[in-house]
Structures are given as structure tokens and as C-alpha cells.
Amino acid sequence: MNNYLDSSKRLPIYDMIIFCHLRWDFVYQRPQHLITRLSSQYKILVVEEPIGRSDKKSEIIEISPSLHVLKPHIDHLDELGSYLKSILKDSKYLVGWFYSAAFVSVLNTFDFETVVYDCMDELTLFKGASPELLVQENSLLSAADIVFTGGKSLYESKKEKHHNVFCFPSSVDVSHFSNEEIEHIEKPGDLKNINSPIIGYYGVIDERIDLELLQQTALQNPNASLVMIGPICKIEESDLPRTENIHYLGMKSYEELPQYLHFFDVAMMPFALNDSTKFISPTKTLEYMAAMKPIISTKIKDVVTEYSDCVSLIDNADDFSISIEQPMTDFHAKYEQILENTSWDRTAEKMCTIINKVLA
């Protein structure tokens, strides 16, 4: 259980301050995987995007003795630098790590020996992105000593803008998703009345999902159940396709996901091909592989480049239907080869090595 620290007192000295647009207790993804591992070498403060309501006390959560998460209650992001200055003991730190360029103004207040930009998504292309974000990113790229990218497409894009870019595609904790050591896995209650075959997805349900594809596939396959697990963001409930065989089960914790994944007959990534998916490299691809599930995906560039020989790639609902009826079966050896060469532990270790070389 996490502890809450007293936000009225000055915080301890940190080695690394990480600025993140995602909530720590939201979908467990790249930031949580990496930060948790980095905290074995650095004392870290994660600063979330401000929630607003400056009349409410900010929250500081102790995830572990070396990892704290700050949920600042301030009205505007441009107030963050002065707010942090009021609660931190120093203005000089080893590493400033950014997941979003929207935080770049804090560089006017704090001095970091090394500035890292871990670009996991092209946020400038996301729905609702601030028009200022592109200018802010250019400022961050000018200040950054190191740029990490969450996939090859992002790497190709950012290496044109920075001299020190490293590609670290999203990785996987194989043991967490493989379920190999569990003799009996109980079917979750909200799956028990859902008919097989289950064609499942988990992750954020937002403008990146091809809702029309989902609906047409469901209508063409009335005997299959399309299960969508995850929070709905930036779209309305009314936008979601509703058929008898599409099931929305809401958000599940990282600990629960392997249990649900175990009962997928096929795992899917029904992403729309639009600006918001142009540079994505879905973490769930490797997680699906760790569970040894056949995968159906739209033609996301990084998925096509990396996994075209072991993932069923589709253009439309007709292709999707064929892949449901005839899922790929000869993927096990290819999955194992891919998984053997990747882990979050290894990724975090390589990142630390790069940072330490710059600090030396």
C-alpha cells in the first residue's frame, strides 16, 4: 500500500525528477515500467501534469523509499516551476526526464546536469493537443542531452531533429503475462457469460481505435465476442459501437490483465490509421506474444516493420473476419525469438548506461 507524504513540508533531495503527462495510477505502461526500474539506481520524484484546483492540497505518494509521485494541485502548468521551487530543497539535480514537452518551462527554474526526453508518443498529433506543443517540443529538443524514442518510426522522425537519439521500443515483462507457472487460472466473473471465441483488446479506448472497423467486424461475426478492456478517453460513450457481441469491461489493473488475456482466443489491435497512430509502437504487441496468443492488427507502421511474419495484418472488416476464422498458428517459435531479445529490465539498464556516460 502506498504512503502519503506531508505536502506542506519540503521534499527530500532527489537524483532525478520526471515530468509525466500520464497518471501513475492510470493504465500501467512504459513510464511505470521504466521508472520503477530506474528507481533502483536513482532517487526519483515523478511530477504528474497538474490537476487544477489550487485551493486543494497537492498529494505526494511514496511508491517506495526511492520513488515518490507528486500530484500537484495548481491552476496552470506555467506555475509548476515556482510551485516546485517552494517545496523542493534545491534547484540543481542530476537528471530531468520529460515525457511531454508541455513541461519545458520548468527548465527556466531548475538546472539539470542531464536532460532526457523519452518520446513515447507523438503527442502533437493527438486529439486535443495544444497548438503550443510543437514549439515546446522544439525547445525541449534544443535543451535535451539525450532523446529516447518508443519505436522505430519515432526514431526516424526525431533523429532529424537531434544529434543523440536512441531507439528503445516498448518492451515486456514476459513472466507477468505468460502465466506459465500458474496451474489453474480462474475465469474472471465478467467474462463467464461471454461466448467464445473471444477476440480481445486491452488498452486505452480513444481516437486511436477504429470504431467503424470494430462495428463491421462484430456484425460480420455474430458468433464471436469482441471484448474491449480499458478506460474510455477523449471520445464519448455515445461514440462506441453497440452490438450484442461487443463487450466493454472497463479498466483493469496491470495485475489483472494476464488473467483476462489468458481467456482471449485471439488478441486484437484494431487501431485506426490516422495522425494519432502514425508513430505508435504498441506495448501490448509483446504482451500478447508473451501469452502466446494469435494477434490480429491493422497495418500500424511499426507492427508491419517488426512483426509482419507472425501477426495477421488486416485492412478491413473482411480481412478481420478471415483472420478470426483462420487465425495464424505457426507463430510460437517466432514469438519466442522476439521475446528472448527484449525485457524492461534490459531496456532500463541500457538507458542508465547512456545517462551515466553523459553524466561522467
Protein backbone atom coordinates (compact mmCIF):
# COMPACT_ATOMS: atom_id res chain seq x y z
CA MET A 1 0.00 0.00 0.00
CA ASN A 2 1.33 3.45 -0.92
CA ASN A 3 2.08 6.05 1.75
CA TYR A 4 1.11 9.71 1.52
CA LEU A 5 3.80 12.23 2.44
CA ASP A 6 3.14 15.62 4.00
CA SER A 7 2.97 18.07 1.08
CA SER A 8 3.32 21.04 3.43
CA LYS A 9 6.94 20.06 4.19
CA ARG A 10 9.90 20.38 1.86
CA LEU A 11 10.63 17.21 -0.01
CA PRO A 12 13.92 15.31 0.22
CA ILE A 13 16.79 15.57 -2.26
CA TYR A 14 16.28 13.61 -5.49
CA ASP A 15 18.65 12.42 -8.21
CA MET A 16 16.04 12.53 -10.93
CA ILE A 17 12.85 14.49 -11.50
CA ILE A 18 10.49 13.03 -14.09
CA PHE A 19 7.74 15.11 -15.69
CA CYS A 20 4.89 12.97 -16.99
CA HIS A 21 1.56 13.73 -18.67
CA LEU A 22 0.19 10.32 -17.63
CA ARG A 23 -1.18 9.48 -14.18
CA TRP A 24 0.78 6.92 -12.17
CA ASP A 25 -2.44 5.10 -11.25
CA PHE A 26 -3.78 5.11 -14.83
CA VAL A 27 -3.04 2.37 -17.39
CA TYR A 28 0.28 0.75 -16.43
CA GLN A 29 2.60 1.36 -19.36
CA ARG A 30 6.06 2.50 -20.42
CA PRO A 31 6.62 5.23 -17.78
CA GLN A 32 5.70 2.99 -14.85
CA HIS A 33 7.76 0.08 -16.16
CA LEU A 34 10.89 2.19 -16.67
CA ILE A 35 10.58 4.49 -13.66
CA THR A 36 10.10 1.60 -11.25
CA ARG A 37 13.29 0.01 -12.53
CA LEU A 38 15.24 3.29 -12.67
CA SER A 39 14.39 3.86 -9.01
CA SER A 40 16.76 1.04 -8.08
CA GLN A 41 19.62 3.35 -9.16
CA TYR A 42 18.20 6.85 -8.62
CA LYS A 43 16.01 8.54 -6.04
CA ILE A 44 13.13 9.77 -8.18
CA LEU A 45 10.31 12.28 -7.97
CA VAL A 46 7.63 11.86 -10.63
CA VAL A 47 5.68 15.06 -11.27
CA GLU A 48 2.31 14.50 -12.91
CA GLU A 49 0.57 17.06 -15.08
CA PRO A 50 -1.26 19.49 -12.76
CA ILE A 51 -4.82 18.58 -11.92
CA GLY A 52 -6.04 22.12 -11.30
CA ARG A 53 -7.83 23.49 -8.21
CA SER A 54 -5.10 25.36 -6.38
CA ASP A 55 -7.38 25.51 -3.34
CA LYS A 56 -6.85 21.79 -2.78
CA LYS A 57 -3.73 20.36 -1.18
CA SER A 58 -1.27 18.61 -3.51
CA GLU A 59 -0.70 14.90 -2.95
CA ILE A 60 2.70 13.26 -2.63
CA ILE A 61 2.65 9.47 -2.73
CA GLU A 62 5.51 7.20 -1.68
CA ILE A 63 5.56 4.27 -4.08
CA SER A 64 8.81 3.10 -2.49
CA PRO A 65 11.54 4.79 -0.42
CA SER A 66 13.30 5.79 -3.67
CA LEU A 67 10.21 6.69 -5.71
CA HIS A 68 7.70 9.44 -4.94
CA VAL A 69 4.84 10.71 -7.12
CA LEU A 70 3.63 14.31 -6.88
CA LYS A 71 0.07 15.18 -7.94
CA PRO A 72 0.21 18.98 -7.98
CA HIS A 73 -3.00 20.93 -7.46
CA ILE A 74 -2.18 24.16 -9.24
CA ASP A 75 -4.26 26.05 -11.76
CA HIS A 76 -1.83 26.29 -14.68
CA LEU A 77 1.15 24.32 -15.94
CA ASP A 78 3.22 27.53 -16.21
CA GLU A 79 3.00 27.82 -12.40
CA LEU A 80 4.70 24.46 -11.92
CA GLY A 81 8.28 25.74 -11.77
CA SER A 82 7.60 28.22 -8.97
CA TYR A 83 5.45 25.71 -7.10
CA LEU A 84 8.16 23.04 -7.22
CA LYS A 85 10.75 25.60 -6.10
CA SER A 86 8.64 26.19 -2.98
CA ILE A 87 8.59 22.51 -1.95
CA LEU A 88 11.98 21.23 -3.15
CA LYS A 89 15.20 21.75 -1.24
CA ASP A 90 17.38 22.53 -4.24
CA SER A 91 17.20 23.84 -7.79
CA LYS A 92 20.03 21.67 -9.17
CA TYR A 93 19.55 17.96 -9.95
CA LEU A 94 21.37 15.23 -11.83
CA VAL A 95 18.63 14.34 -14.30
CA GLY A 96 15.47 15.99 -15.58
CA TRP A 97 13.40 13.46 -17.52
CA PHE A 98 10.48 14.55 -19.72
CA TYR A 99 7.61 12.52 -21.16
CA SER A 100 5.90 15.62 -22.53
CA ALA A 101 7.31 18.87 -23.87
CA ALA A 102 4.43 20.71 -22.18
CA PHE A 103 6.61 20.79 -19.03
CA VAL A 104 9.54 22.53 -20.74
CA SER A 105 9.07 25.82 -18.85
CA VAL A 106 10.43 24.21 -15.66
CA LEU A 107 13.87 24.44 -17.28
CA ASN A 108 13.68 28.17 -16.53
CA THR A 109 13.60 27.34 -12.83
CA PHE A 110 15.71 24.20 -12.43
CA ASP A 111 19.19 23.25 -13.54
CA PHE A 112 19.68 19.62 -14.57
CA GLU A 113 23.09 18.15 -15.36
CA THR A 114 21.41 15.96 -17.97
CA VAL A 115 18.06 16.48 -19.68
CA VAL A 116 16.35 13.36 -21.08
CA TYR A 117 13.35 13.35 -23.41
CA ASP A 118 11.70 9.93 -23.54
CA CYS A 119 9.37 10.40 -26.50
CA MET A 120 6.93 7.51 -26.24
CA ASP A 121 4.26 9.06 -28.49
CA GLU A 122 3.94 11.89 -30.99
CA LEU A 123 1.73 13.89 -28.64
CA THR A 124 1.49 16.83 -31.05
CA LEU A 125 -0.74 14.67 -33.27
CA PHE A 126 -3.11 13.50 -30.54
CA LYS A 127 -6.69 14.70 -30.30
CA GLY A 128 -6.94 17.88 -28.23
CA ALA A 129 -3.20 18.59 -28.35
CA SER A 130 -2.26 22.17 -27.56
CA PRO A 131 -1.12 24.16 -30.62
CA GLU A 132 1.83 25.30 -28.49
CA LEU A 133 3.12 21.76 -28.06
CA LEU A 134 5.18 21.72 -31.25
CA VAL A 135 7.01 24.91 -30.22
CA GLN A 136 7.51 23.47 -26.74
CA GLU A 137 8.94 20.29 -28.20
CA ASN A 138 11.43 22.23 -30.29
CA SER A 139 12.55 23.99 -27.10
CA LEU A 140 12.87 20.69 -25.27
CA LEU A 141 14.84 19.13 -28.13
CA SER A 142 17.23 22.10 -28.00
CA ALA A 143 17.76 21.60 -24.28
CA ALA A 144 17.89 17.79 -24.24
CA ASP A 145 21.16 15.91 -23.94
CA ILE A 146 19.54 12.56 -24.72
CA VAL A 147 16.40 11.59 -26.65
CA PHE A 148 14.86 8.13 -26.32
CA THR A 149 12.03 7.04 -28.61
CA GLY A 150 9.35 4.43 -28.07
CA GLY A 151 9.58 2.95 -31.56
CA LYS A 152 11.39 2.99 -34.88
CA SER A 153 9.01 5.39 -36.61
CA LEU A 154 9.51 7.93 -33.84
CA TYR A 155 13.26 7.35 -34.03
CA GLU A 156 13.31 8.13 -37.74
CA SER A 157 11.35 11.31 -37.06
CA LYS A 158 13.37 12.59 -34.08
CA LYS A 159 16.86 11.76 -35.37
CA GLU A 160 16.36 14.50 -37.95
CA LYS A 161 15.95 16.99 -35.10
CA HIS A 162 18.53 15.88 -32.52
CA HIS A 163 22.11 14.59 -32.51
CA ASN A 164 21.80 12.00 -29.73
CA VAL A 165 18.70 9.85 -30.30
CA PHE A 166 18.33 6.22 -29.19
CA CYS A 167 15.53 3.85 -30.18
CA PHE A 168 14.05 1.88 -27.29
CA PRO A 169 10.79 0.26 -28.43
CA SER A 170 8.38 -0.72 -25.71
CA SER A 171 9.34 -3.96 -24.03
CA VAL A 172 7.66 -6.61 -21.90
CA ASP A 173 7.77 -8.47 -18.61
CA VAL A 174 7.37 -11.95 -20.08
CA SER A 175 6.84 -13.75 -16.77
CA HIS A 176 3.96 -11.44 -15.87
CA PHE A 177 1.93 -12.28 -18.97
CA SER A 178 2.95 -15.85 -19.76
CA ASN A 179 1.03 -17.48 -16.85
CA GLU A 180 3.38 -20.45 -17.25
CA GLU A 181 3.78 -21.03 -13.53
CA ILE A 182 0.05 -20.94 -12.71
CA GLU A 183 -1.62 -24.35 -12.79
CA HIS A 184 -5.22 -23.12 -12.74
CA ILE A 185 -6.45 -19.68 -13.77
CA GLU A 186 -10.00 -18.81 -12.83
CA LYS A 187 -12.07 -17.09 -15.47
CA PRO A 188 -12.92 -13.50 -14.42
CA GLY A 189 -16.55 -13.03 -13.47
CA ASP A 190 -17.32 -10.54 -16.24
CA LEU A 191 -16.02 -13.00 -18.86
CA LYS A 192 -18.02 -16.01 -17.68
CA ASN A 193 -21.17 -15.20 -19.67
CA ILE A 194 -19.29 -14.13 -22.79
CA ASN A 195 -19.24 -16.71 -25.56
CA SER A 196 -16.10 -17.99 -27.26
CA PRO A 197 -14.26 -17.29 -29.40
CA ILE A 198 -13.19 -14.17 -27.53
CA ILE A 199 -11.39 -11.62 -29.69
CA GLY A 200 -9.86 -9.35 -27.07
CA TYR A 201 -8.21 -5.96 -26.73
CA TYR A 202 -6.94 -4.11 -23.71
CA GLY A 203 -5.61 -0.57 -23.51
CA VAL A 204 -6.95 2.94 -23.74
CA ILE A 205 -10.09 3.25 -25.90
CA ASP A 206 -9.75 6.60 -27.63
CA GLU A 207 -9.44 8.24 -31.05
CA ARG A 208 -6.80 5.67 -31.99
CA ILE A 209 -9.36 2.84 -32.15
CA ASP A 210 -11.10 2.21 -35.49
CA LEU A 211 -14.67 2.12 -34.18
CA GLU A 212 -16.19 1.54 -37.61
CA LEU A 213 -13.92 -1.47 -38.15
CA LEU A 214 -14.93 -2.81 -34.75
CA GLN A 215 -18.63 -2.50 -35.52
CA GLN A 216 -18.44 -4.00 -39.00
CA THR A 217 -16.35 -6.92 -37.75
CA ALA A 218 -18.82 -7.60 -34.95
CA LEU A 219 -21.74 -7.57 -37.39
CA GLN A 220 -19.95 -9.95 -39.77
CA ASN A 221 -19.05 -12.34 -36.94
CA PRO A 222 -22.14 -12.71 -34.72
CA ASN A 223 -20.79 -15.90 -33.12
CA ALA A 224 -17.56 -14.21 -31.98
CA SER A 225 -17.29 -11.95 -28.93
CA LEU A 226 -15.27 -8.76 -29.26
CA VAL A 227 -14.07 -7.79 -25.78
CA MET A 228 -12.71 -4.30 -25.14
CA ILE A 229 -10.90 -3.75 -21.84
CA GLY A 230 -9.72 -0.30 -20.81
CA PRO A 231 -10.74 3.26 -19.97
CA ILE A 232 -12.58 5.44 -22.49
CA CYS A 233 -10.70 8.71 -23.12
CA LYS A 234 -11.25 11.73 -25.37
CA ILE A 235 -14.27 10.14 -27.04
CA GLU A 236 -17.84 9.88 -25.77
CA GLU A 237 -19.63 6.72 -24.64
CA SER A 238 -22.14 7.51 -27.38
CA ASP A 239 -19.35 7.18 -29.98
CA LEU A 240 -18.83 3.50 -29.15
CA PRO A 241 -20.32 0.88 -31.48
CA ARG A 242 -23.01 -1.16 -29.74
CA THR A 243 -23.81 -4.67 -30.89
CA GLU A 244 -24.78 -7.75 -28.88
CA ASN A 245 -21.32 -9.22 -29.28
CA ILE A 246 -19.16 -6.20 -28.39
CA HIS A 247 -18.44 -6.10 -24.66
CA TYR A 248 -16.85 -3.15 -22.82
CA LEU A 249 -15.45 -4.34 -19.49
CA GLY A 250 -13.83 -1.12 -18.25
CA MET A 251 -10.31 -0.61 -16.93
CA LYS A 252 -8.43 -3.47 -15.26
CA SER A 253 -5.25 -3.27 -13.23
CA TYR A 254 -1.88 -4.39 -14.55
CA GLU A 255 -2.09 -7.31 -12.12
CA GLU A 256 -5.45 -8.41 -13.56
CA LEU A 257 -4.57 -8.21 -17.25
CA PRO A 258 -2.83 -11.62 -17.57
CA GLN A 259 -5.93 -13.33 -16.18
CA TYR A 260 -8.11 -11.74 -18.86
CA LEU A 261 -5.55 -12.25 -21.61
CA HIS A 262 -5.40 -15.96 -20.77
CA PHE A 263 -9.00 -16.34 -21.94
CA PHE A 264 -8.60 -14.45 -25.22
CA ASP A 265 -8.78 -16.83 -28.17
CA VAL A 266 -7.31 -14.11 -30.36
CA ALA A 267 -5.78 -10.77 -29.31
CA MET A 268 -6.50 -7.74 -31.45
CA MET A 269 -5.16 -4.26 -32.13
CA PRO A 270 -7.94 -2.55 -34.12
CA PHE A 271 -6.18 0.78 -34.50
CA ALA A 272 -7.31 3.43 -36.93
CA LEU A 273 -4.70 4.63 -39.38
CA ASN A 274 -4.67 8.34 -38.60
CA ASP A 275 -2.33 11.06 -37.31
CA SER A 276 -2.54 9.80 -33.72
CA THR A 277 -1.34 6.30 -34.70
CA LYS A 278 1.28 7.35 -37.25
CA PHE A 279 4.19 6.78 -34.85
CA ILE A 280 2.81 4.36 -32.24
CA SER A 281 4.60 1.17 -31.25
CA PRO A 282 2.03 -0.67 -29.13
CA THR A 283 3.37 -2.15 -25.90
CA LYS A 284 0.57 -4.70 -25.93
CA THR A 285 2.00 -6.45 -29.00
CA LEU A 286 4.74 -8.07 -26.94
CA GLU A 287 2.40 -8.70 -24.00
CA TYR A 288 0.04 -10.60 -26.30
CA MET A 289 3.04 -12.55 -27.57
CA ALA A 290 4.15 -13.42 -24.04
CA ALA A 291 0.75 -15.07 -23.55
CA MET A 292 1.22 -16.90 -26.88
CA LYS A 293 -1.95 -15.52 -28.43
CA PRO A 294 -2.54 -15.17 -32.19
CA ILE A 295 -2.69 -11.46 -32.99
CA ILE A 296 -4.79 -9.53 -35.49
CA SER A 297 -3.73 -5.94 -36.18
CA THR A 298 -4.38 -3.14 -38.57
CA LYS A 299 -1.30 -2.05 -40.50
CA ILE A 300 0.39 0.16 -37.93
CA LYS A 301 3.79 1.01 -39.40
CA ASP A 302 5.96 -0.34 -36.56
CA VAL A 303 3.89 -3.53 -36.33
CA VAL A 304 4.26 -4.10 -40.08
CA THR A 305 8.01 -3.42 -39.96
CA GLU A 306 8.74 -5.65 -36.97
CA TYR A 307 6.12 -8.39 -36.87
CA SER A 308 4.63 -8.96 -40.33
CA ASP A 309 5.75 -12.60 -40.30
CA CYS A 310 3.86 -13.51 -37.12
CA VAL A 311 0.89 -11.12 -36.86
CA SER A 312 -2.23 -11.23 -39.07
CA LEU A 313 -2.30 -7.80 -40.74
CA ILE A 314 -5.65 -6.51 -41.96
CA ASP A 315 -7.09 -3.64 -44.00
CA ASN A 316 -10.81 -4.00 -43.35
CA ALA A 317 -13.61 -5.98 -41.70
CA ASP A 318 -13.49 -8.67 -44.42
CA ASP A 319 -9.81 -9.31 -43.68
CA PHE A 320 -10.56 -9.22 -39.95
CA SER A 321 -13.29 -11.85 -40.37
CA ILE A 322 -11.00 -14.16 -42.32
CA SER A 323 -8.32 -13.83 -39.63
CA ILE A 324 -10.87 -14.68 -36.92
CA GLU A 325 -11.97 -17.79 -38.82
CA GLN A 326 -8.41 -18.79 -39.70
CA PRO A 327 -6.08 -17.39 -37.02
CA MET A 328 -2.35 -17.73 -37.50
CA THR A 329 -0.98 -20.90 -35.86
CA ASP A 330 2.75 -21.05 -36.65
CA PHE A 331 3.82 -18.11 -34.50
CA HIS A 332 5.19 -19.75 -31.35
CA ALA A 333 8.84 -20.07 -32.38
CA LYS A 334 8.86 -16.54 -33.82
CA TYR A 335 7.32 -15.13 -30.65
CA GLU A 336 9.92 -16.87 -28.51
CA GLN A 337 12.74 -15.47 -30.64
CA ILE A 338 11.36 -11.95 -30.34
CA LEU A 339 10.72 -12.19 -26.60
CA GLU A 340 14.16 -13.62 -25.91
CA ASN A 341 15.72 -10.34 -27.01
CA THR A 342 13.60 -7.91 -25.02
CA SER A 343 12.76 -7.05 -21.42
CA TRP A 344 12.02 -3.90 -19.45
CA ASP A 345 14.96 -4.75 -17.17
CA ARG A 346 17.34 -4.75 -20.12
CA THR A 347 15.87 -1.54 -21.56
CA ALA A 348 16.18 0.31 -18.24
CA GLU A 349 19.74 -0.93 -17.80
CA LYS A 350 20.78 0.31 -21.26
CA MET A 351 19.16 3.68 -20.63
CA CYS A 352 21.05 4.03 -17.34
CA THR A 353 24.31 3.25 -19.11
CA ILE A 354 23.68 6.03 -21.66
CA ILE A 355 22.75 8.53 -18.93
CA ASN A 356 25.78 7.67 -16.82
CA LYS A 357 28.10 8.17 -19.79
CA VAL A 358 26.70 11.67 -20.30
CA LEU A 359 26.99 12.42 -16.58
CA ALA A 360 30.58 11.14 -16.38
